[in-house]
Each structure stands twice: as C-alpha cells, then as structure tokens.
Protein backbone atom coordinates (compact mmCIF):
# COMPACT_ATOMS: atom_id res chain seq x y z
CA MET A 1 9.16 77.69 75.12
CA PRO A 2 7.85 74.02 74.45
CA SER A 3 9.84 71.10 75.59
CA PHE A 4 11.33 68.59 73.80
CA GLN A 5 8.26 66.08 75.71
CA ASP A 6 5.92 68.57 74.58
CA ILE A 7 7.12 68.61 70.58
CA LYS A 8 7.38 64.64 71.10
CA TYR A 9 3.73 64.50 72.60
CA ALA A 10 2.28 66.85 70.33
CA PHE A 11 3.56 65.18 67.03
CA PHE A 12 2.79 61.61 68.13
CA SER A 13 -0.81 63.32 68.48
CA LEU A 14 -0.87 64.64 65.21
CA MET A 15 0.45 61.38 63.89
CA SER A 16 -2.01 59.19 65.35
CA THR A 17 -4.84 61.11 63.83
CA ILE A 18 -3.72 60.86 59.91
CA GLU A 19 -5.76 58.77 57.91
CA LEU A 20 -4.83 56.48 54.88
CA LYS A 21 -7.02 59.31 52.35
CA ASP A 22 -5.11 61.95 54.23
CA ILE A 23 -1.60 59.90 52.90
CA ILE A 24 -3.38 59.85 49.02
CA ASP A 25 -4.62 63.46 49.25
CA LEU A 26 -0.78 64.61 50.57
CA ALA A 27 0.81 63.05 47.89
CA VAL A 28 -1.35 63.85 45.19
CA MET A 29 -1.19 67.29 45.59
CA SER A 30 2.73 66.74 46.08
CA TYR A 31 2.69 65.38 42.76
CA ILE A 32 0.65 68.20 40.99
CA VAL A 33 3.14 70.75 42.75
CA TYR A 34 5.99 68.78 41.07
CA LEU A 35 4.26 68.68 37.88
CA LEU A 36 3.48 72.25 38.06
CA LEU A 37 6.86 72.84 39.02
CA ARG A 38 8.34 70.45 35.64
CA LEU A 39 6.02 72.76 33.70
CA ILE A 40 7.32 76.04 34.36
CA ARG A 41 10.68 75.72 34.85
CA GLU A 42 12.39 76.10 32.00
CA THR A 43 9.54 79.69 30.88
CA ARG A 44 9.77 82.97 32.07
CA ALA A 45 7.01 81.82 34.69
CA GLY A 46 9.54 80.49 36.36
CA GLN A 47 11.15 83.39 37.19
CA LEU A 48 7.83 85.32 37.99
CA VAL A 49 7.20 82.38 40.77
CA LYS A 50 10.34 82.70 42.07
CA GLY A 51 9.68 86.54 42.43
CA ILE A 52 6.34 85.90 43.95
CA LEU A 53 7.87 83.44 46.35
CA LEU A 54 10.14 86.64 47.52
CA LEU A 55 7.51 88.77 48.11
CA VAL A 56 5.24 85.91 50.13
CA ALA A 57 8.49 85.71 51.92
CA ALA A 58 8.93 89.08 52.35
CA TYR A 59 5.42 89.80 53.03
CA PHE A 60 5.17 87.33 56.12
CA VAL A 61 8.73 88.48 57.98
CA SER A 62 6.60 92.05 57.85
CA SER A 63 3.99 90.74 59.24
CA LEU A 64 5.99 88.93 61.94
CA LEU A 65 7.84 92.07 62.74
CA ASN A 66 4.41 94.04 62.89
CA LEU A 67 5.80 96.43 59.92
CA THR A 68 2.58 97.69 58.84
CA VAL A 69 3.13 99.64 56.02
CA MET A 70 5.25 97.29 54.56
CA GLU A 71 2.52 94.28 55.32
CA TYR A 72 -0.29 96.52 53.56
CA ILE A 73 1.80 97.32 50.94
CA LEU A 74 3.12 93.85 50.00
CA GLY A 75 -0.11 92.69 50.62
CA HIS A 76 -1.50 94.89 47.84
CA ALA A 77 1.36 94.02 45.29
CA LEU A 78 0.76 90.29 46.07
CA ASP A 79 -3.35 91.16 44.54
CA ILE A 80 -2.06 92.72 42.04
CA GLY A 81 0.47 90.63 41.16
CA LEU A 82 -1.74 87.73 40.37
CA LEU A 83 -3.67 89.69 37.85
CA ALA A 84 -0.25 90.83 36.26
CA MET A 85 0.96 86.86 36.02
CA LEU A 86 -2.89 86.19 34.24
CA ILE A 87 -2.04 89.26 31.55
CA LEU A 88 1.56 89.18 31.03
CA PHE A 89 2.37 85.22 30.78
CA GLN A 90 -1.22 84.48 29.14
CA PRO A 91 1.22 82.47 26.76
CA GLU A 92 3.05 80.25 29.05
CA ILE A 93 -0.71 80.02 31.14
CA ARG A 94 -1.92 78.48 27.44
CA ARG A 95 0.50 77.05 26.87
CA ALA A 96 0.05 74.31 29.70
CA LEU A 97 -3.56 74.20 29.23
CA GLU A 98 -3.08 72.81 26.07
CA GLN A 99 0.18 70.62 27.26
CA PHE A 100 -2.82 69.40 30.00
CA GLY A 101 -4.53 68.60 27.29
CA THR A 102 -3.12 66.55 25.20
CA THR A 103 -3.43 62.82 25.67
CA LYS A 104 0.16 62.18 26.68
CA PHE A 105 1.25 64.89 28.70
CA GLY A 106 1.30 62.76 31.95
CA ILE A 107 3.40 59.57 30.40
CA HIS A 108 6.28 62.13 29.13
CA LEU A 109 5.76 63.32 32.71
CA ILE A 110 6.04 60.63 34.59
CA GLY A 111 9.08 59.42 32.45
CA ILE A 112 7.65 57.60 29.89
CA GLY A 113 9.26 58.25 26.22
CA PRO A 114 8.00 56.78 22.75
CA SER A 115 7.57 53.19 21.65
CA ASP A 116 10.10 50.69 20.16
CA ASP A 117 8.70 51.66 16.43
CA GLU A 118 8.77 55.38 17.31
CA LYS A 119 12.13 55.57 18.75
CA ALA A 120 13.64 53.58 15.87
CA ARG A 121 11.72 56.27 13.35
CA TRP A 122 13.04 59.00 15.90
CA ASN A 123 16.76 58.07 15.84
CA ALA A 124 17.11 58.08 12.42
CA ALA A 125 15.10 61.54 12.05
CA ILE A 126 17.90 62.54 14.72
CA GLU A 127 20.92 62.03 12.79
CA SER A 128 19.38 62.79 9.58
CA ILE A 129 18.38 66.57 11.27
CA CYS A 130 21.88 66.63 12.91
CA ASP A 131 24.13 65.68 9.74
CA SER A 132 22.32 68.21 7.73
CA CYS A 133 22.42 70.79 9.70
CA VAL A 134 26.23 70.46 10.56
CA GLU A 135 26.51 70.19 6.36
CA LEU A 136 24.09 72.97 5.78
CA SER A 137 26.02 74.94 8.50
CA ALA A 138 29.64 74.44 6.53
CA SER A 139 27.95 76.03 3.26
CA CYS A 140 26.48 78.62 5.46
CA THR A 141 22.55 77.51 4.06
CA GLY A 142 19.90 78.99 5.76
CA ALA A 143 17.62 76.73 8.06
CA LEU A 144 14.80 76.45 9.71
CA ILE A 145 13.31 72.76 11.49
CA VAL A 146 10.15 72.79 13.59
CA ILE A 147 10.66 69.55 15.80
CA GLU A 148 6.40 68.98 16.74
CA ARG A 149 5.79 67.61 19.87
CA GLU A 150 2.76 67.89 22.41
CA THR A 151 1.06 71.17 20.93
CA ARG A 152 0.00 70.58 17.39
CA LEU A 153 0.94 73.07 14.60
CA GLY A 154 -1.94 72.65 12.19
CA GLU A 155 -2.26 76.57 11.66
CA GLN A 156 1.66 76.59 10.41
CA ILE A 157 1.40 73.36 8.46
CA GLU A 158 -1.77 74.81 6.31
CA THR A 159 0.81 77.67 5.25
CA GLY A 160 3.05 75.45 3.77
CA THR A 161 3.67 72.53 0.97
CA MET A 162 2.88 68.88 2.45
CA MET A 163 5.76 66.20 2.02
CA ASN A 164 5.54 63.37 3.88
CA ALA A 165 9.41 62.59 3.72
CA ILE A 166 11.36 60.74 5.21
CA PRO A 167 14.20 62.86 6.95
CA SER A 168 17.80 62.90 5.00
CA LYS A 169 20.70 65.15 4.02
CA GLU A 170 19.20 65.01 0.78
CA VAL A 171 15.94 65.79 1.50
CA PHE A 172 17.28 68.66 3.35
CA GLY A 173 19.39 70.19 0.93
CA ASN A 174 17.06 70.01 -1.70
CA ILE A 175 14.29 71.89 0.77
CA PHE A 176 16.81 74.64 2.03
CA TYR A 177 19.02 74.95 -1.78
CA PRO A 178 18.51 79.04 -1.72
CA LYS A 179 17.29 78.45 -5.47
CA THR A 180 14.42 75.99 -4.83
CA PRO A 181 10.84 77.00 -4.17
CA LEU A 182 10.63 75.65 -0.75
CA HIS A 183 13.57 77.24 1.10
CA ASP A 184 11.98 80.38 2.36
CA GLY A 185 10.28 78.81 4.98
CA ALA A 186 10.46 76.54 8.19
CA VAL A 187 10.21 72.48 7.51
CA ILE A 188 7.66 70.61 10.16
CA ILE A 189 8.62 67.16 11.56
CA ARG A 190 6.08 65.45 13.09
CA ASP A 191 6.52 61.60 14.27
CA GLY A 192 9.73 61.74 12.73
CA ILE A 193 8.52 62.39 9.23
CA ILE A 194 8.81 66.12 7.61
CA LEU A 195 5.30 67.07 7.05
CA ALA A 196 5.51 70.35 5.56
CA ALA A 197 7.78 72.74 4.23
CA ALA A 198 8.01 76.39 3.32
CA CYS A 199 5.50 77.28 6.37
CA PHE A 200 5.50 80.21 7.80
CA LEU A 201 6.23 80.95 11.65
CA PRO A 202 4.80 83.53 14.06
CA ARG A 203 6.39 86.52 15.37
CA PRO A 204 8.11 86.91 18.68
CA LYS A 205 5.73 88.35 21.10
CA SER A 206 7.59 91.25 22.10
CA ASP A 207 10.87 92.20 19.20
CA LEU A 208 11.77 94.78 21.52
CA GLN A 209 13.81 91.82 23.78
CA ILE A 210 15.37 90.34 20.79
CA ASP A 211 18.73 90.66 20.16
CA LYS A 212 19.21 93.06 16.86
CA ALA A 213 21.34 91.35 15.46
CA LEU A 214 19.27 88.12 14.91
CA GLY A 215 17.93 87.51 11.74
CA SER A 216 14.14 86.61 10.58
CA ARG A 217 15.00 83.12 10.95
CA HIS A 218 15.65 83.02 14.63
CA ARG A 219 13.10 85.67 15.21
CA ALA A 220 10.80 83.25 13.81
CA ALA A 221 12.24 80.50 15.98
CA ILE A 222 11.98 82.52 19.53
CA GLY A 223 8.42 83.09 18.18
CA MET A 224 7.16 79.73 17.76
CA SER A 225 8.77 78.18 20.24
CA GLU A 226 6.93 81.31 22.35
CA ASN A 227 3.55 79.67 21.03
CA SER A 228 4.24 75.90 21.40
CA ASP A 229 6.41 73.11 23.25
CA ALA A 230 8.54 72.31 20.04
CA VAL A 231 11.72 72.43 19.32
CA VAL A 232 12.95 74.74 16.66
CA ILE A 233 16.44 74.26 14.78
CA VAL A 234 18.04 77.25 13.39
CA VAL A 235 21.11 77.63 10.53
CA SER A 236 22.61 81.10 10.36
CA GLU A 237 23.06 82.20 6.79
CA GLU A 238 25.21 84.94 7.97
CA THR A 239 27.46 82.96 10.09
CA GLY A 240 26.32 79.08 10.01
CA GLN A 241 25.81 78.78 13.24
CA ILE A 242 23.56 75.85 14.69
CA SER A 243 20.79 77.36 17.47
CA ILE A 244 18.01 75.76 19.04
CA ALA A 245 14.88 77.95 20.33
CA MET A 246 12.46 76.57 23.20
CA ASN A 247 9.83 78.04 25.37
CA GLY A 248 10.99 81.68 24.01
CA VAL A 249 14.42 81.38 24.88
CA LEU A 250 17.56 80.49 22.08
CA THR A 251 20.73 78.64 22.49
CA ARG A 252 23.55 78.66 20.05
CA ASP A 253 27.00 76.90 18.72
CA TYR A 254 25.54 73.79 18.85
CA THR A 255 27.83 71.00 17.46
CA HIS A 256 26.95 67.67 16.34
CA ASP A 257 26.93 65.95 19.33
CA LYS A 258 25.83 68.68 21.09
CA LEU A 259 22.73 69.13 19.09
CA LYS A 260 22.25 65.05 19.08
CA ALA A 261 22.53 65.15 22.90
CA ALA A 262 19.75 67.71 23.05
CA LEU A 263 17.29 66.27 20.56
CA GLU A 264 17.42 63.11 22.30
CA LYS A 265 17.02 64.62 25.87
CA GLU A 266 13.64 66.59 24.58
CA ILE A 267 12.32 63.94 22.25
CA PHE A 268 12.77 60.83 24.54
CA ASN A 269 12.87 62.33 27.86
CA GLU A 270 16.34 60.98 28.66
CA PRO A 271 18.92 62.86 30.28
CA PRO A 272 21.79 62.81 27.90
CA GLU A 273 25.07 62.61 28.80
CA ASP A 274 26.40 66.44 28.26
CA GLY A 275 23.02 67.72 30.15
CA GLY A 276 21.52 68.79 26.97
CA ILE A 277 19.25 71.73 27.02
CA ALA A 278 17.71 71.47 30.81
CA LYS A 279 18.93 69.51 33.68
CA LYS A 280 16.58 66.72 35.06
CA THR A 281 16.59 68.24 38.74
CA PHE A 282 14.54 70.63 40.22
CA SER A 283 17.74 72.92 41.44
CA SER A 284 17.35 73.42 36.94
CA PHE A 285 14.28 75.02 38.24
CA PHE A 286 15.92 77.80 40.34
CA GLY A 287 19.19 77.56 38.47
CA ARG A 288 20.12 81.03 36.04
CA ARG A 289 18.67 80.94 32.76
CA LYS A 290 21.14 82.06 29.69
CA ASN A 291 19.24 83.75 26.99
CA LYS A 292 21.87 84.66 24.58
C-alpha cells in the first residue's frame, strides 16, 4: 500500500506537469458537461442518463470483481443502450440540437435574461395571462396558451389566425369564449405579444402513457411541450383546473401566484420565491419527477 509520502510526491509531480492550456481545457469540458446536465435535467432523457450511469458503475464493479458473465452482459447492454438512446429519445435529441442552434441559447444558460424593454413587456403579458387564466378557470372556460421560447413555432402559427395583439383579460376572454370562431385551438405568444390564435398543436408521442382522464387540450399541451421548449398553459373546461406542460410533463393545480412565479422563472431565467417548476440546482437533475 503506498504511503502518504508516495501519494504526496505523485500528486505534486502531476501538478507540476499541468499547464495553462490544460486548465482551460478542463474548464471548457466542465462547462459543457454542466450545460448538458441543465439541458436534460427536466426531460425523460435525465432518467435515461441515471440508468446508464448505474449500468456503467455495475460494469466497473463486475470488472473489478472479475465477474466474467456479468461483465460480458453489461458491456453488450451498454453498446445496445447507446443505439436505443438515439432511437427512443429522438425528440429530446432534436430539441437539444434546435436549442444549440438558437442565438440566445448560450445567453439563457449562463443566466442572462431579457433586456429591460423585453422584461417590461413580458411582465405585463404574464400578469394578463395569470389574471385571464384565473378568470377562465372560475367560469370553467377551456383555454390553451403556448408561450414560445427558443424553438420557433412557425409550423403551428401557420395553422392559426394572425393577431399581433397585446395580451389582456378582454382579448383572452374574447378568444376563448365558446361561441367565437377562435376558441377551438391554441394561442401562441411570442416576445410578450399574442402572435396567433386557433392554432393546431401536435399530438403527443405516445397516448398510452397519458392519463385517460385528460382531454384533448391537455394532450395537445403535452404534445407541444414534447416537440419544443415552449411553456404551455391549459385551463380545463371540465374542472377549471390550471395546468402547465413542459418537456412532456404536465403539472396541475396552479393558482394565480404559483402560475406567475413559474412563468417568471421560465421566461426570465430567475429562481422564484417558491421554487417554481424547476429548482436551480444540480440536485433537481437527480430528483424525482412527478408526472401527474
């Protein structure tokens, strides 16, 4: 067994060989890993990564203990698992590449939010959205509101009616009133402005994994959140319950304050007082997701 002096000598010998380029290289790689963890921590891919890490750990343990059969099986399982990841998680991989291709992606990841003008416009929009959702909830009027972020939703916008309207309770009330032509579909908001209404949204990837009690609006919200990084708000026509869909996960029972805190967190990239949808720590990556 090596002595403390041997370990100390080996450590300082290693440190003496480190150059500035090695430090830069390590810092860049660490930052890339951090960005990847932030990118997948709220998606199904996060569960896959944890499973792969467990398989890798089991593989090394079996290798150290010279468990030939286990090492053989786990080695082939990892080879097949990489191919399965590309096939099963194609939507997440596509969304990740789309986000890397946007000009604002890096800015949002390092925590820089919108400009003052954009923030003022979004503050007014968020307040109108929250007030409208609470009012629509009280009357059990169904609503579907999509907040566009980095992934552009041009395909969905083309299916609707262009509006370019400033969000307000009156506008949302007129759009989602059951007897109006625009009520059957989704409103898409871009840069704090209602860009289009009566838009059709994509269906979810797998209806079998979704609660059968959920209606068409909730399913459309989940489908939209699976295909983009949008924040999708749903007001149930049956119960008046307010829900949010993100990254294929639907969370329910939002009040005015809870909804406002969640939207501010996602739009401004700032942690709200009550924690919002996602915690701004690495522990949230390894936490348990609740898919109600």
